[in-house]
Amino acid sequence: MNTRDIQAGCAMLSLLALTACGSDGSFDPDLRGLIGGMDTAAAAASAAPRPTPDARGVISFSNGQVAVAQTGDTPATIAARLGLDAAALATHNALPADAPMQAGAVLVLPTQVAAAAPAGGGTAIVTDPFADSAPASPGVARADPAPAPASDGNPREHVVTAGETAWAIARRYDVSVQDLASWNGLPADMSLRTGQRLLVPQPGQAPDRLATTAPGAGSPTPTPPSATRALPDEETPAAGAPAPDTPQTDLGSTRTAASGGGQFRMPVDGSIIRVYEKGQNDGIDIAATGGAAVIAAGSGQVAAITRDSAGTPIIVVRHEGDLMSVYTNLGDVAVAKGDSVSAGQSLGQAGDAGFVHFEIRRGFESVDPERYLN
């Protein structure tokens, strides 16, 4: 990773801080790993699935319980099913008693109810629930200075404070936002409410990245080819013979075949000099001289404009279909945050780095831009 990649990575973190907002559904994707080379395997590892509830929708832990909502449920109907006070259950979860709930959403129970057999058979008891969570007063959000680890793989409880988002909570506990959503039955827009109680699963284990030999064993030495067969004859060219032609490599020459009919256009006129590689280069690098025109790859709205530590602009454009395009290594900028742009409209000019870095992202994940280019 070169200095410019590091600078761009720092700028993207600043971009995240500038654009992260409250529970109004505004732009706050989890951009961990936006620039190639940032290892986020631990954060991306999948957590264990949520335990199966019993026939009433209750998951029991040793010190507490949660109820999983069914279609058409409200806090009042869940309280009636479990023999609880509806107002107490609703207040404990910062909801009106008659609030409609999404199927799969969870309510933390203020008091224990009798255990029952799980819907799928077996037992749903999990030891040591919310191991490091202190009980909070009803309706009062708890803001711990830092999340404490839970033991034995059990979930923690988090009370949502004003301005927090699902992505911010997932980053805080080093879990994926998908796991946080599946454990709590969050809606597709990941919206939260102040005072909502969330189950935070333990992070999954990242896969091993490197296989090594046993200590002291050393690495096996390969057998050279000449040990089993004779070396091939070589033809030595005569002195003064012309050198063979040097092959010209143009990685962009395959772009049309790989992406014909895509919805986006090339943001700058040039050849692709570095292709997409997940985790190493989360976009493509396009050769561009300083001052070359950089255009919007598709119609959308400018979601953010920031600069890296060297002052180089970075532009993010939001498009339909949960897609975003990112343009870095720019010089002058011709748009402002909030502007609506059409495909081909000027965003500015290329900087003096010799290339423009271009990314396409679907939600929080980078995708190969060549699949979307026409």
Protein backbone atom coordinates (compact mmCIF):
# COMPACT_ATOMS: atom_id res chain seq x y z
CA MET A 1 0.00 0.00 0.00
CA ASN A 2 1.48 3.36 -0.99
CA THR A 3 1.21 6.70 0.79
CA ARG A 4 -1.69 7.84 -1.38
CA ASP A 5 -3.70 4.70 -0.52
CA ILE A 6 -3.16 5.36 3.19
CA GLN A 7 -4.16 9.01 2.77
CA ALA A 8 -7.29 8.01 0.85
CA GLY A 9 -8.17 5.47 3.55
CA CYS A 10 -7.90 8.14 6.26
CA ALA A 11 -10.05 10.47 4.18
CA MET A 12 -12.72 7.80 3.80
CA LEU A 13 -12.87 7.42 7.59
CA SER A 14 -13.33 11.21 7.82
CA LEU A 15 -16.06 10.94 5.18
CA LEU A 16 -17.85 8.35 7.28
CA ALA A 17 -17.73 10.60 10.36
CA LEU A 18 -19.06 13.58 8.36
CA THR A 19 -21.95 11.71 6.79
CA ALA A 20 -22.96 9.43 9.72
CA CYS A 21 -26.25 10.66 11.13
CA GLY A 22 -29.08 9.58 13.40
CA SER A 23 -31.96 7.18 12.98
CA ASP A 24 -33.45 9.05 10.00
CA GLY A 25 -32.06 6.59 7.47
CA SER A 26 -29.36 8.96 6.20
CA PHE A 27 -26.12 7.88 4.57
CA ASP A 28 -24.03 5.85 7.08
CA PRO A 29 -22.69 2.67 5.43
CA ASP A 30 -20.07 0.51 7.13
CA LEU A 31 -17.03 1.50 5.02
CA ARG A 32 -14.52 -0.71 6.85
CA GLY A 33 -12.13 -1.86 4.13
CA LEU A 34 -13.12 0.78 1.54
CA ILE A 35 -9.50 1.16 0.41
CA GLY A 36 -7.68 -2.08 -0.48
CA GLY A 37 -5.34 -3.57 2.07
CA MET A 38 -7.36 -2.88 5.25
CA ASP A 39 -7.96 -6.31 6.82
CA THR A 40 -11.44 -6.55 8.31
CA ALA A 41 -11.79 -10.34 8.41
CA ALA A 42 -12.59 -10.31 12.14
CA ALA A 43 -15.40 -7.77 11.68
CA ALA A 44 -16.80 -9.59 8.64
CA ALA A 45 -16.83 -13.08 10.23
CA SER A 46 -20.35 -14.40 10.78
CA ALA A 47 -21.66 -14.70 14.34
CA ALA A 48 -23.56 -17.76 15.59
CA PRO A 49 -27.27 -17.71 14.71
CA ARG A 50 -29.81 -16.44 17.22
CA PRO A 51 -31.19 -19.25 19.49
CA THR A 52 -34.53 -20.73 18.46
CA PRO A 53 -37.50 -19.31 20.45
CA ASP A 54 -40.07 -21.53 22.12
CA ALA A 55 -43.67 -21.89 20.91
CA ARG A 56 -44.62 -18.54 22.50
CA GLY A 57 -41.71 -16.74 20.82
CA VAL A 58 -39.58 -16.55 23.99
CA ILE A 59 -35.80 -17.07 24.11
CA SER A 60 -34.65 -17.76 27.69
CA PHE A 61 -31.25 -16.93 29.13
CA SER A 62 -30.14 -17.61 32.70
CA ASN A 63 -30.70 -13.99 33.82
CA GLY A 64 -33.22 -12.71 31.35
CA GLN A 65 -35.51 -13.36 28.43
CA VAL A 66 -36.53 -11.83 25.12
CA ALA A 67 -39.70 -12.26 23.07
CA VAL A 68 -39.59 -12.55 19.27
CA ALA A 69 -42.52 -10.79 17.57
CA GLN A 70 -44.79 -12.63 15.17
CA THR A 71 -46.73 -11.15 12.25
CA GLY A 72 -49.33 -8.68 13.54
CA ASP A 73 -47.87 -8.48 17.05
CA THR A 74 -47.76 -5.39 19.28
CA PRO A 75 -46.23 -5.09 22.76
CA ALA A 76 -49.78 -5.44 24.12
CA THR A 77 -50.47 -8.74 22.30
CA ILE A 78 -47.07 -10.15 23.34
CA ALA A 79 -47.73 -9.11 26.95
CA ALA A 80 -51.17 -10.80 26.85
CA ARG A 81 -49.63 -13.98 25.44
CA LEU A 82 -46.99 -14.08 28.18
CA GLY A 83 -49.13 -12.82 31.09
CA LEU A 84 -47.15 -9.56 31.50
CA ASP A 85 -48.22 -5.98 32.09
CA ALA A 86 -48.49 -4.37 28.65
CA ALA A 87 -47.46 -0.90 29.80
CA ALA A 88 -44.38 -2.22 31.63
CA LEU A 89 -43.26 -4.28 28.62
CA ALA A 90 -43.78 -1.37 26.21
CA THR A 91 -42.00 1.17 28.44
CA HIS A 92 -39.05 -1.19 29.00
CA ASN A 93 -38.52 -1.25 25.22
CA ALA A 94 -39.32 2.44 24.50
CA LEU A 95 -42.48 1.62 22.50
CA PRO A 96 -46.19 2.45 22.73
CA ALA A 97 -48.23 -0.55 23.85
CA ASP A 98 -50.13 -0.64 20.54
CA ALA A 99 -47.10 -0.13 18.25
CA PRO A 100 -47.12 -2.61 15.31
CA MET A 101 -43.98 -4.75 15.25
CA GLN A 102 -42.08 -6.33 12.39
CA ALA A 103 -42.01 -10.12 12.44
CA GLY A 104 -38.73 -11.28 13.97
CA ALA A 105 -38.13 -8.12 16.05
CA VAL A 106 -37.24 -8.70 19.71
CA LEU A 107 -38.52 -7.22 22.98
CA VAL A 108 -36.46 -7.57 26.15
CA LEU A 109 -38.76 -8.80 28.96
CA PRO A 110 -38.71 -6.71 32.18
CA THR A 111 -39.51 -9.81 34.29
CA GLN A 112 -39.10 -13.56 33.92
CA VAL A 113 -41.87 -15.78 32.55
CA ALA A 114 -42.11 -19.52 32.97
CA ALA A 115 -39.88 -21.46 30.60
CA ALA A 116 -41.51 -23.58 27.90
CA ALA A 117 -40.35 -26.15 25.36
CA PRO A 118 -38.85 -24.59 22.22
CA ALA A 119 -40.82 -24.75 19.00
CA GLY A 120 -38.23 -27.01 17.39
CA GLY A 121 -37.73 -29.35 20.35
CA GLY A 122 -34.81 -29.50 22.79
CA THR A 123 -33.97 -26.63 25.10
CA ALA A 124 -33.67 -22.93 24.42
CA ILE A 125 -31.84 -22.12 27.69
CA VAL A 126 -28.54 -20.28 27.17
CA THR A 127 -26.33 -19.69 30.21
CA ASP A 128 -25.03 -16.30 31.40
CA PRO A 129 -27.13 -13.82 29.38
CA PHE A 130 -26.02 -10.24 28.84
CA ALA A 131 -23.05 -11.10 31.02
CA ASP A 132 -21.70 -7.57 31.30
CA SER A 133 -24.89 -5.50 31.01
CA ALA A 134 -26.27 -3.65 34.01
CA PRO A 135 -30.07 -3.17 34.08
CA ALA A 136 -31.20 0.25 32.89
CA SER A 137 -34.14 2.28 34.18
CA PRO A 138 -37.20 2.09 31.90
CA GLY A 139 -37.01 4.66 29.11
CA VAL A 140 -33.46 5.77 29.99
CA ALA A 141 -30.75 5.00 27.44
CA ARG A 142 -27.44 3.72 28.78
CA ALA A 143 -24.23 5.10 27.21
CA ASP A 144 -21.28 3.02 28.42
CA PRO A 145 -17.84 4.53 27.68
CA ALA A 146 -16.75 1.31 25.97
CA PRO A 147 -18.41 -2.10 25.40
CA ALA A 148 -17.29 -4.77 27.85
CA PRO A 149 -16.75 -8.29 26.51
CA ALA A 150 -19.34 -10.96 27.27
CA SER A 151 -18.30 -14.43 28.36
CA ASP A 152 -19.16 -17.89 27.04
CA GLY A 153 -20.25 -16.55 23.66
CA ASN A 154 -23.52 -15.05 25.01
CA PRO A 155 -24.99 -11.82 23.60
CA ARG A 156 -24.74 -8.43 25.23
CA GLU A 157 -27.55 -5.90 25.64
CA HIS A 158 -27.22 -2.42 24.18
CA VAL A 159 -29.69 0.43 24.75
CA VAL A 160 -29.81 2.77 21.75
CA THR A 161 -28.99 6.41 22.49
CA ALA A 162 -30.02 9.43 20.43
CA GLY A 163 -28.10 9.67 17.15
CA GLU A 164 -26.82 6.07 17.11
CA THR A 165 -27.14 3.98 13.95
CA ALA A 166 -26.98 0.24 13.37
CA TRP A 167 -23.64 0.66 11.58
CA ALA A 168 -22.16 2.69 14.45
CA ILE A 169 -23.25 0.07 17.01
CA ALA A 170 -21.90 -2.78 14.86
CA ARG A 171 -18.54 -1.01 14.55
CA ARG A 172 -18.45 -0.34 18.29
CA TYR A 173 -18.83 -4.02 19.17
CA ASP A 174 -16.78 -5.26 16.17
CA VAL A 175 -19.65 -7.31 14.69
CA SER A 176 -21.13 -7.19 11.22
CA VAL A 177 -24.26 -5.09 10.75
CA GLN A 178 -25.93 -8.09 9.09
CA ASP A 179 -25.50 -10.17 12.28
CA LEU A 180 -26.83 -7.30 14.42
CA ALA A 181 -29.86 -7.03 12.13
CA SER A 182 -30.60 -10.79 12.09
CA TRP A 183 -30.37 -11.13 15.90
CA ASN A 184 -32.80 -8.22 16.41
CA GLY A 185 -35.08 -8.53 13.38
CA LEU A 186 -34.23 -5.00 12.21
CA PRO A 187 -36.08 -3.61 9.16
CA ALA A 188 -34.41 -3.32 5.77
CA ASP A 189 -33.55 0.36 6.31
CA MET A 190 -31.78 -0.50 9.62
CA SER A 191 -33.80 2.19 11.45
CA LEU A 192 -33.53 2.34 15.25
CA ARG A 193 -35.34 4.25 18.03
CA THR A 194 -33.90 5.91 21.10
CA GLY A 195 -34.24 3.55 24.09
CA GLN A 196 -34.52 0.41 21.92
CA ARG A 197 -32.83 -2.61 23.50
CA LEU A 198 -30.64 -4.64 21.13
CA LEU A 199 -29.04 -8.06 21.47
CA VAL A 200 -25.39 -7.83 20.37
CA PRO A 201 -24.01 -11.26 19.35
CA GLN A 202 -20.42 -12.24 19.93
CA PRO A 203 -18.24 -11.63 16.82
CA GLY A 204 -17.60 -14.67 14.64
CA GLN A 205 -14.13 -16.13 14.23
CA ALA A 206 -12.21 -14.99 11.17
CA PRO A 207 -10.87 -17.79 8.96
CA ASP A 208 -7.19 -18.59 9.06
CA ARG A 209 -5.37 -16.57 6.41
CA LEU A 210 -2.00 -18.36 6.35
CA ALA A 211 -1.06 -22.01 6.61
CA THR A 212 2.28 -22.60 8.32
CA THR A 213 4.43 -25.61 9.10
CA ALA A 214 5.04 -26.84 12.65
CA PRO A 215 7.63 -24.88 14.68
CA GLY A 216 11.14 -26.04 13.88
CA ALA A 217 10.03 -28.14 10.93
CA GLY A 218 10.99 -25.60 8.31
CA SER A 219 9.55 -25.34 4.83
CA PRO A 220 9.96 -28.22 2.39
CA THR A 221 12.50 -27.64 -0.36
CA PRO A 222 11.11 -28.26 -3.86
CA THR A 223 12.96 -30.60 -6.17
CA PRO A 224 14.54 -28.67 -9.06
CA PRO A 225 13.35 -29.75 -12.52
CA SER A 226 16.92 -30.48 -13.65
CA ALA A 227 17.17 -33.28 -11.08
CA THR A 228 14.66 -35.43 -12.97
CA ARG A 229 15.02 -34.34 -16.60
CA ALA A 230 17.54 -32.57 -18.79
CA LEU A 231 17.30 -28.86 -19.33
CA PRO A 232 15.84 -27.87 -22.72
CA ASP A 233 18.13 -26.69 -25.47
CA GLU A 234 18.52 -22.94 -25.70
CA GLU A 235 18.98 -20.87 -28.80
CA THR A 236 21.42 -18.04 -28.17
CA PRO A 237 20.76 -15.09 -30.50
CA ALA A 238 23.72 -13.70 -32.39
CA ALA A 239 25.35 -10.59 -31.01
CA GLY A 240 23.76 -7.44 -32.41
CA ALA A 241 20.44 -9.15 -33.26
CA PRO A 242 17.42 -6.87 -32.77
CA ALA A 243 15.59 -7.32 -29.49
CA PRO A 244 12.10 -8.84 -29.66
CA ASP A 245 9.13 -6.52 -29.52
CA THR A 246 8.03 -5.69 -26.00
CA PRO A 247 4.43 -6.74 -25.43
CA GLN A 248 2.08 -3.88 -24.60
CA THR A 249 -0.29 -4.69 -21.75
CA ASP A 250 -3.60 -2.85 -21.60
CA LEU A 251 -5.82 -4.20 -18.83
CA GLY A 252 -8.68 -2.06 -20.11
CA SER A 253 -8.80 -3.89 -23.43
CA THR A 254 -11.08 -6.56 -21.93
CA ARG A 255 -13.46 -4.09 -20.32
CA THR A 256 -16.10 -4.07 -23.06
CA ALA A 257 -16.37 -7.86 -23.24
CA ALA A 258 -16.62 -8.14 -19.46
CA SER A 259 -19.20 -5.45 -18.95
CA GLY A 260 -21.07 -4.70 -22.14
CA GLY A 261 -24.57 -3.33 -21.50
CA GLY A 262 -23.78 -2.05 -17.99
CA GLN A 263 -25.59 0.94 -16.50
CA PHE A 264 -22.48 3.07 -15.83
CA ARG A 265 -19.93 4.69 -18.13
CA MET A 266 -16.19 5.15 -17.65
CA PRO A 267 -15.63 8.20 -15.44
CA VAL A 268 -12.44 9.23 -17.26
CA ASP A 269 -11.00 8.53 -20.71
CA GLY A 270 -8.11 6.12 -20.19
CA SER A 271 -6.99 2.52 -19.87
CA ILE A 272 -7.53 0.41 -16.75
CA ILE A 273 -4.05 0.00 -15.23
CA ARG A 274 -5.10 -1.86 -12.07
CA VAL A 275 -8.11 -4.17 -11.87
CA TYR A 276 -10.52 -4.87 -9.01
CA GLU A 277 -9.34 -7.33 -6.35
CA LYS A 278 -11.51 -7.74 -3.24
CA GLY A 279 -9.62 -6.69 -0.12
CA GLN A 280 -6.60 -5.51 -2.11
CA ASN A 281 -8.03 -2.95 -4.52
CA ASP A 282 -11.76 -2.37 -4.00
CA GLY A 283 -12.11 -0.54 -7.32
CA ILE A 284 -10.21 0.04 -10.55
CA ASP A 285 -7.42 2.52 -11.36
CA ILE A 286 -7.81 4.34 -14.69
CA ALA A 287 -4.85 6.11 -16.31
CA ALA A 288 -5.47 9.85 -16.50
CA THR A 289 -3.23 12.86 -16.98
CA GLY A 290 -3.59 15.83 -14.67
CA GLY A 291 -6.52 18.02 -15.68
CA ALA A 292 -8.36 15.27 -17.59
CA ALA A 293 -12.16 15.55 -17.35
CA VAL A 294 -13.82 13.29 -14.75
CA ILE A 295 -17.55 12.67 -15.27
CA ALA A 296 -20.37 11.07 -13.29
CA ALA A 297 -20.61 7.38 -14.18
CA GLY A 298 -24.39 7.53 -13.83
CA SER A 299 -27.26 9.74 -12.73
CA GLY A 300 -27.59 10.33 -8.99
CA GLN A 301 -26.98 12.74 -6.13
CA VAL A 302 -23.66 13.87 -4.65
CA ALA A 303 -23.76 12.28 -1.17
CA ALA A 304 -20.45 13.63 0.13
CA ILE A 305 -17.27 15.46 -0.81
CA THR A 306 -14.17 15.30 1.37
CA ARG A 307 -10.39 15.43 1.06
CA ASP A 308 -7.59 13.12 2.10
CA SER A 309 -4.69 14.23 4.29
CA ALA A 310 -2.90 15.63 1.21
CA GLY A 311 -5.95 17.76 0.31
CA THR A 312 -6.96 15.59 -2.67
CA PRO A 313 -10.77 15.62 -3.20
CA ILE A 314 -12.91 12.47 -2.91
CA ILE A 315 -16.48 12.42 -4.29
CA VAL A 316 -19.28 9.93 -3.44
CA VAL A 317 -22.40 9.80 -5.66
CA ARG A 318 -25.50 7.85 -4.61
CA HIS A 319 -27.48 6.08 -7.40
CA GLU A 320 -30.71 4.10 -7.63
CA GLY A 321 -30.67 0.43 -6.67
CA ASP A 322 -28.63 0.90 -3.43
CA LEU A 323 -25.51 1.70 -5.49
CA MET A 324 -22.81 4.31 -4.85
CA SER A 325 -19.85 5.40 -6.99
CA VAL A 326 -16.61 6.73 -5.47
CA TYR A 327 -14.04 8.91 -7.29
CA THR A 328 -10.60 9.61 -5.77
CA ASN A 329 -7.28 11.17 -6.90
CA LEU A 330 -9.14 14.21 -8.22
CA GLY A 331 -7.91 17.77 -8.72
CA ASP A 332 -10.55 20.47 -9.16
CA VAL A 333 -14.18 19.70 -8.17
CA ALA A 334 -17.11 21.08 -10.18
CA VAL A 335 -20.03 19.92 -7.96
CA ALA A 336 -21.19 20.37 -4.36
CA LYS A 337 -22.72 18.01 -1.80
CA GLY A 338 -26.44 17.53 -2.48
CA ASP A 339 -26.21 18.32 -6.21
CA SER A 340 -28.17 16.11 -8.60
CA VAL A 341 -25.97 14.96 -11.47
CA SER A 342 -26.73 13.20 -14.74
CA ALA A 343 -24.65 10.52 -16.41
CA GLY A 344 -21.71 12.16 -18.15
CA GLN A 345 -21.94 15.43 -16.21
CA SER A 346 -18.59 16.88 -15.16
CA LEU A 347 -17.53 16.19 -11.57
CA GLY A 348 -14.17 17.94 -11.92
CA GLN A 349 -10.67 17.12 -13.16
CA ALA A 350 -8.09 14.42 -12.50
CA GLY A 351 -5.25 15.26 -10.14
CA ASP A 352 -1.54 14.77 -10.73
CA ALA A 353 -1.34 11.15 -9.47
CA GLY A 354 -1.46 9.81 -13.05
CA PHE A 355 -4.69 7.86 -12.49
CA VAL A 356 -8.23 8.13 -11.09
CA HIS A 357 -9.40 5.50 -8.59
CA PHE A 358 -13.05 4.49 -9.20
CA GLU A 359 -15.30 2.23 -7.09
CA ILE A 360 -18.86 0.90 -7.27
CA ARG A 361 -20.48 -0.15 -3.98
CA ARG A 362 -23.76 -2.00 -3.39
CA GLY A 363 -24.83 -1.14 0.14
CA PHE A 364 -21.70 -1.59 2.25
CA GLU A 365 -19.88 -4.04 -0.06
CA SER A 366 -17.55 -3.17 -2.92
CA VAL A 367 -18.26 -4.85 -6.28
CA ASP A 368 -16.24 -5.15 -9.47
CA PRO A 369 -16.88 -1.89 -11.40
CA GLU A 370 -16.18 -3.59 -14.75
CA ARG A 371 -19.39 -5.62 -14.32
CA TYR A 372 -21.37 -2.36 -14.35
CA LEU A 373 -19.54 -0.43 -17.07
CA ASN A 374 -20.87 -0.16 -20.62
